[in-house]
Amino acid sequence: MHVIIFAGGALQPGKALYDAISSVDMIIAADRGAATALQLGYTPSIVVGDFDSLDTLLLRELSERGSQVRKVAIEKDETDTELAMQVALWMGHRRAGLCVGRAVLLLRGK
């Protein structure tokens, strides 16, 4: 199973993103990464984070579109992106693309 995780921050879409997303089984977004996914025309299946950088109206829109919203405490040891990666692993995904900046990092588990 292949998952793409949209992290927060500016993302410049390009060939690497579109190649990675063409065979994706699921999209997960970490906090503000959900806004980036929506701007590119993708609705995340799961959005995870403390939502300190995501507008409540956008959060409501995601929920209405069918995204599962997983809110965590602001005080935590992990970043929102780390939590999104943990969700992917917990769900059994062993291949992931992390979309951040100009790069799509491909991660493979055992």
N, C-alpha and C. Protein backbone atom coordinates (compact mmCIF):
# COMPACT_ATOMS: atom_id res chain seq x y z
N MET A 1 0.83 -1.18 0.00
CA MET A 1 0.00 0.00 0.00
C MET A 1 0.88 1.24 0.00
N HIS A 2 0.45 2.23 -0.74
CA HIS A 2 1.25 3.43 -0.95
C HIS A 2 0.46 4.65 -0.45
N VAL A 3 1.09 5.46 0.37
CA VAL A 3 0.46 6.64 0.94
C VAL A 3 1.31 7.87 0.65
N ILE A 4 0.64 9.00 0.45
CA ILE A 4 1.32 10.29 0.32
C ILE A 4 0.95 11.11 1.54
N ILE A 5 1.95 11.74 2.15
CA ILE A 5 1.72 12.60 3.30
C ILE A 5 2.07 14.03 2.90
N PHE A 6 1.09 14.92 3.01
CA PHE A 6 1.34 16.34 2.77
C PHE A 6 1.71 16.97 4.10
N ALA A 7 2.93 17.51 4.18
CA ALA A 7 3.39 18.20 5.38
C ALA A 7 3.09 19.68 5.22
N GLY A 8 3.26 20.43 6.30
CA GLY A 8 3.05 21.88 6.25
C GLY A 8 4.15 22.55 5.45
N GLY A 9 3.97 23.80 5.16
CA GLY A 9 4.97 24.56 4.41
C GLY A 9 4.61 24.62 2.94
N ALA A 10 5.32 25.48 2.25
CA ALA A 10 5.07 25.68 0.82
C ALA A 10 5.51 24.45 0.03
N LEU A 11 4.71 24.07 -0.91
CA LEU A 11 5.02 22.93 -1.77
C LEU A 11 4.95 23.40 -3.21
N GLN A 12 6.00 23.16 -3.95
CA GLN A 12 6.01 23.48 -5.37
C GLN A 12 5.78 22.19 -6.14
N PRO A 13 4.56 22.01 -6.64
CA PRO A 13 4.26 20.76 -7.33
C PRO A 13 5.06 20.63 -8.63
N GLY A 14 5.35 19.40 -8.94
CA GLY A 14 6.09 19.12 -10.17
C GLY A 14 5.96 17.65 -10.52
N LYS A 15 6.80 17.20 -11.41
CA LYS A 15 6.75 15.82 -11.90
C LYS A 15 6.86 14.79 -10.78
N ALA A 16 7.76 15.03 -9.82
CA ALA A 16 7.94 14.06 -8.73
C ALA A 16 6.64 13.87 -7.95
N LEU A 17 5.94 14.96 -7.66
CA LEU A 17 4.68 14.85 -6.93
C LEU A 17 3.64 14.10 -7.75
N TYR A 18 3.47 14.49 -8.99
CA TYR A 18 2.44 13.86 -9.81
C TYR A 18 2.75 12.40 -10.10
N ASP A 19 4.03 12.06 -10.25
CA ASP A 19 4.41 10.65 -10.42
C ASP A 19 4.09 9.85 -9.16
N ALA A 20 4.42 10.43 -8.01
CA ALA A 20 4.19 9.73 -6.74
C ALA A 20 2.70 9.57 -6.46
N ILE A 21 1.92 10.56 -6.76
CA ILE A 21 0.51 10.53 -6.40
C ILE A 21 -0.33 9.71 -7.39
N SER A 22 0.24 9.41 -8.55
CA SER A 22 -0.52 8.67 -9.57
C SER A 22 -0.87 7.25 -9.12
N SER A 23 -0.09 6.69 -8.21
CA SER A 23 -0.34 5.31 -7.77
C SER A 23 -0.68 5.22 -6.29
N VAL A 24 -1.17 6.32 -5.72
CA VAL A 24 -1.40 6.38 -4.29
C VAL A 24 -2.69 5.66 -3.88
N ASP A 25 -2.64 5.00 -2.72
CA ASP A 25 -3.82 4.36 -2.16
C ASP A 25 -4.52 5.27 -1.16
N MET A 26 -3.76 6.18 -0.54
CA MET A 26 -4.33 7.05 0.48
C MET A 26 -3.50 8.32 0.60
N ILE A 27 -4.20 9.42 0.93
CA ILE A 27 -3.53 10.68 1.21
C ILE A 27 -3.77 11.03 2.68
N ILE A 28 -2.68 11.34 3.36
CA ILE A 28 -2.74 11.79 4.76
C ILE A 28 -2.12 13.18 4.78
N ALA A 29 -2.68 14.08 5.57
CA ALA A 29 -2.13 15.42 5.69
C ALA A 29 -1.80 15.71 7.15
N ALA A 30 -0.69 16.41 7.33
CA ALA A 30 -0.27 16.85 8.66
C ALA A 30 -0.61 18.32 8.78
N ASP A 31 -1.61 18.63 9.59
CA ASP A 31 -2.01 20.00 9.90
C ASP A 31 -2.13 20.84 8.63
N ARG A 32 -1.31 21.86 8.47
CA ARG A 32 -1.41 22.80 7.35
C ARG A 32 -1.22 22.13 5.99
N GLY A 33 -0.64 20.94 5.97
CA GLY A 33 -0.51 20.20 4.72
C GLY A 33 -1.85 19.89 4.08
N ALA A 34 -2.91 19.89 4.89
CA ALA A 34 -4.26 19.65 4.35
C ALA A 34 -4.67 20.77 3.41
N ALA A 35 -4.31 22.00 3.74
CA ALA A 35 -4.63 23.14 2.87
C ALA A 35 -3.90 23.00 1.54
N THR A 36 -2.66 22.57 1.58
CA THR A 36 -1.88 22.37 0.36
C THR A 36 -2.51 21.30 -0.51
N ALA A 37 -2.90 20.19 0.11
CA ALA A 37 -3.55 19.10 -0.64
C ALA A 37 -4.81 19.61 -1.33
N LEU A 38 -5.64 20.34 -0.60
CA LEU A 38 -6.87 20.86 -1.19
C LEU A 38 -6.58 21.83 -2.33
N GLN A 39 -5.58 22.69 -2.17
CA GLN A 39 -5.22 23.63 -3.23
C GLN A 39 -4.82 22.91 -4.51
N LEU A 40 -4.26 21.72 -4.37
CA LEU A 40 -3.83 20.93 -5.53
C LEU A 40 -4.94 20.01 -6.04
N GLY A 41 -6.10 20.05 -5.38
CA GLY A 41 -7.23 19.25 -5.84
C GLY A 41 -7.36 17.88 -5.20
N TYR A 42 -6.67 17.65 -4.11
CA TYR A 42 -6.72 16.35 -3.43
C TYR A 42 -7.34 16.51 -2.04
N THR A 43 -8.26 15.62 -1.69
CA THR A 43 -8.85 15.62 -0.36
C THR A 43 -8.20 14.50 0.44
N PRO A 44 -7.52 14.84 1.53
CA PRO A 44 -6.89 13.81 2.35
C PRO A 44 -7.92 12.89 3.00
N SER A 45 -7.58 11.63 3.10
CA SER A 45 -8.45 10.68 3.82
C SER A 45 -8.37 10.95 5.31
N ILE A 46 -7.17 11.29 5.78
CA ILE A 46 -6.94 11.55 7.21
C ILE A 46 -6.14 12.83 7.34
N VAL A 47 -6.55 13.66 8.30
CA VAL A 47 -5.80 14.87 8.65
C VAL A 47 -5.47 14.75 10.13
N VAL A 48 -4.18 14.88 10.46
CA VAL A 48 -3.75 14.73 11.84
C VAL A 48 -2.94 15.95 12.26
N GLY A 49 -3.10 16.36 13.51
CA GLY A 49 -2.32 17.46 14.02
C GLY A 49 -2.99 18.17 15.18
N ASP A 50 -2.31 19.20 15.67
CA ASP A 50 -2.88 20.01 16.74
C ASP A 50 -3.70 21.17 16.16
N PHE A 51 -3.59 21.37 14.85
CA PHE A 51 -4.36 22.36 14.10
C PHE A 51 -4.14 23.78 14.58
N ASP A 52 -2.89 24.05 14.96
CA ASP A 52 -2.53 25.41 15.33
C ASP A 52 -2.29 26.28 14.11
N SER A 53 -2.18 25.66 12.94
CA SER A 53 -1.92 26.43 11.72
C SER A 53 -2.94 26.17 10.62
N LEU A 54 -4.10 25.64 11.01
CA LEU A 54 -5.15 25.35 10.03
C LEU A 54 -6.43 26.03 10.47
N ASP A 55 -7.02 26.79 9.58
CA ASP A 55 -8.24 27.53 9.85
C ASP A 55 -9.40 26.58 10.18
N THR A 56 -10.22 26.95 11.14
CA THR A 56 -11.33 26.10 11.56
C THR A 56 -12.35 25.90 10.45
N LEU A 57 -12.54 26.89 9.58
CA LEU A 57 -13.46 26.72 8.45
C LEU A 57 -12.93 25.67 7.48
N LEU A 58 -11.62 25.67 7.27
CA LEU A 58 -11.01 24.67 6.39
C LEU A 58 -11.10 23.29 7.02
N LEU A 59 -10.95 23.22 8.32
CA LEU A 59 -11.08 21.96 9.03
C LEU A 59 -12.50 21.41 8.88
N ARG A 60 -13.48 22.29 8.98
CA ARG A 60 -14.88 21.89 8.79
C ARG A 60 -15.11 21.40 7.36
N GLU A 61 -14.54 22.11 6.39
CA GLU A 61 -14.67 21.69 4.99
C GLU A 61 -14.08 20.31 4.77
N LEU A 62 -12.92 20.06 5.36
CA LEU A 62 -12.30 18.74 5.23
C LEU A 62 -13.20 17.66 5.79
N SER A 63 -13.79 17.91 6.93
CA SER A 63 -14.70 16.95 7.55
C SER A 63 -15.91 16.71 6.65
N GLU A 64 -16.46 17.77 6.07
CA GLU A 64 -17.61 17.64 5.18
C GLU A 64 -17.26 16.87 3.91
N ARG A 65 -16.01 16.95 3.49
CA ARG A 65 -15.55 16.21 2.30
C ARG A 65 -15.24 14.75 2.61
N GLY A 66 -15.33 14.38 3.88
CA GLY A 66 -15.11 12.99 4.26
C GLY A 66 -13.76 12.70 4.89
N SER A 67 -12.95 13.71 5.11
CA SER A 67 -11.67 13.48 5.77
C SER A 67 -11.90 13.10 7.24
N GLN A 68 -11.13 12.12 7.69
CA GLN A 68 -11.14 11.78 9.11
C GLN A 68 -10.17 12.73 9.81
N VAL A 69 -10.67 13.48 10.78
CA VAL A 69 -9.85 14.47 11.48
C VAL A 69 -9.40 13.90 12.81
N ARG A 70 -8.09 13.86 13.02
CA ARG A 70 -7.51 13.35 14.26
C ARG A 70 -6.77 14.48 14.97
N LYS A 71 -7.43 15.09 15.93
CA LYS A 71 -6.84 16.21 16.68
C LYS A 71 -6.03 15.68 17.84
N VAL A 72 -4.82 16.25 17.99
CA VAL A 72 -3.94 15.87 19.10
C VAL A 72 -3.64 17.11 19.92
N ALA A 73 -3.12 16.90 21.11
CA ALA A 73 -2.78 18.01 22.00
C ALA A 73 -1.66 18.85 21.41
N ILE A 74 -1.67 20.14 21.72
CA ILE A 74 -0.60 21.03 21.27
C ILE A 74 0.72 20.64 21.94
N GLU A 75 0.66 20.31 23.21
CA GLU A 75 1.86 19.87 23.94
C GLU A 75 2.08 18.39 23.65
N LYS A 76 3.10 18.10 22.85
CA LYS A 76 3.40 16.72 22.47
C LYS A 76 4.88 16.60 22.14
N ASP A 77 5.36 15.38 22.07
CA ASP A 77 6.77 15.15 21.77
C ASP A 77 7.04 15.08 20.26
N GLU A 78 6.03 14.73 19.47
CA GLU A 78 6.19 14.55 18.03
C GLU A 78 5.70 15.78 17.28
N THR A 79 6.25 15.97 16.09
CA THR A 79 5.70 16.99 15.20
C THR A 79 4.45 16.41 14.55
N ASP A 80 3.64 17.28 13.95
CA ASP A 80 2.45 16.80 13.25
C ASP A 80 2.82 15.87 12.11
N THR A 81 3.92 16.16 11.44
CA THR A 81 4.38 15.30 10.34
C THR A 81 4.77 13.92 10.85
N GLU A 82 5.48 13.88 11.97
CA GLU A 82 5.83 12.58 12.57
C GLU A 82 4.57 11.79 12.93
N LEU A 83 3.57 12.47 13.45
CA LEU A 83 2.31 11.80 13.79
C LEU A 83 1.63 11.25 12.54
N ALA A 84 1.67 12.01 11.46
CA ALA A 84 1.08 11.53 10.21
C ALA A 84 1.80 10.28 9.71
N MET A 85 3.12 10.26 9.86
CA MET A 85 3.89 9.08 9.46
C MET A 85 3.54 7.89 10.35
N GLN A 86 3.35 8.13 11.64
CA GLN A 86 2.95 7.05 12.55
C GLN A 86 1.58 6.49 12.17
N VAL A 87 0.66 7.37 11.79
CA VAL A 87 -0.67 6.91 11.36
C VAL A 87 -0.53 6.00 10.14
N ALA A 88 0.29 6.41 9.19
CA ALA A 88 0.49 5.61 7.98
C ALA A 88 1.04 4.22 8.33
N LEU A 89 2.02 4.18 9.21
CA LEU A 89 2.60 2.89 9.61
C LEU A 89 1.59 2.05 10.37
N TRP A 90 0.85 2.69 11.27
CA TRP A 90 -0.16 1.97 12.06
C TRP A 90 -1.23 1.35 11.15
N MET A 91 -1.53 2.02 10.05
CA MET A 91 -2.54 1.52 9.12
C MET A 91 -1.98 0.46 8.17
N GLY A 92 -0.69 0.17 8.29
CA GLY A 92 -0.10 -0.90 7.48
C GLY A 92 0.58 -0.43 6.21
N HIS A 93 0.68 0.86 6.00
CA HIS A 93 1.37 1.36 4.80
C HIS A 93 2.87 1.20 5.00
N ARG A 94 3.52 0.62 4.01
CA ARG A 94 4.96 0.40 4.10
C ARG A 94 5.72 1.19 3.05
N ARG A 95 5.00 1.97 2.27
CA ARG A 95 5.61 2.80 1.25
C ARG A 95 4.93 4.16 1.34
N ALA A 96 5.71 5.22 1.52
CA ALA A 96 5.13 6.54 1.69
C ALA A 96 5.93 7.59 0.94
N GLY A 97 5.23 8.60 0.49
CA GLY A 97 5.87 9.78 -0.08
C GLY A 97 5.57 10.95 0.83
N LEU A 98 6.57 11.70 1.19
CA LEU A 98 6.41 12.86 2.06
C LEU A 98 6.60 14.10 1.19
N CYS A 99 5.54 14.89 1.04
CA CYS A 99 5.56 16.07 0.17
C CYS A 99 5.86 17.30 1.00
N VAL A 100 6.99 17.89 0.73
CA VAL A 100 7.40 19.10 1.47
C VAL A 100 8.35 19.91 0.58
N GLY A 101 8.14 21.20 0.53
CA GLY A 101 9.01 22.07 -0.26
C GLY A 101 9.00 21.70 -1.73
N ARG A 102 10.18 21.51 -2.29
CA ARG A 102 10.30 21.14 -3.71
C ARG A 102 10.50 19.64 -3.88
N ALA A 103 10.44 18.91 -2.79
CA ALA A 103 10.80 17.49 -2.84
C ALA A 103 9.63 16.59 -2.49
N VAL A 104 9.67 15.42 -3.04
CA VAL A 104 8.82 14.32 -2.60
C VAL A 104 9.77 13.23 -2.17
N LEU A 105 9.84 12.99 -0.87
CA LEU A 105 10.74 11.99 -0.34
C LEU A 105 10.01 10.66 -0.29
N LEU A 106 10.59 9.64 -0.87
CA LEU A 106 9.97 8.32 -0.86
C LEU A 106 10.55 7.50 0.26
N LEU A 107 9.67 7.02 1.12
CA LEU A 107 10.06 6.25 2.29
C LEU A 107 9.55 4.84 2.15
N ARG A 108 10.37 3.88 2.43
CA ARG A 108 9.96 2.49 2.34
C ARG A 108 10.23 1.78 3.66
N GLY A 109 9.24 1.05 4.14
CA GLY A 109 9.41 0.25 5.34
C GLY A 109 9.77 -1.17 4.98
N LYS A 110 9.91 -1.99 5.98
CA LYS A 110 10.27 -3.40 5.75
C LYS A 110 9.04 -4.22 5.47
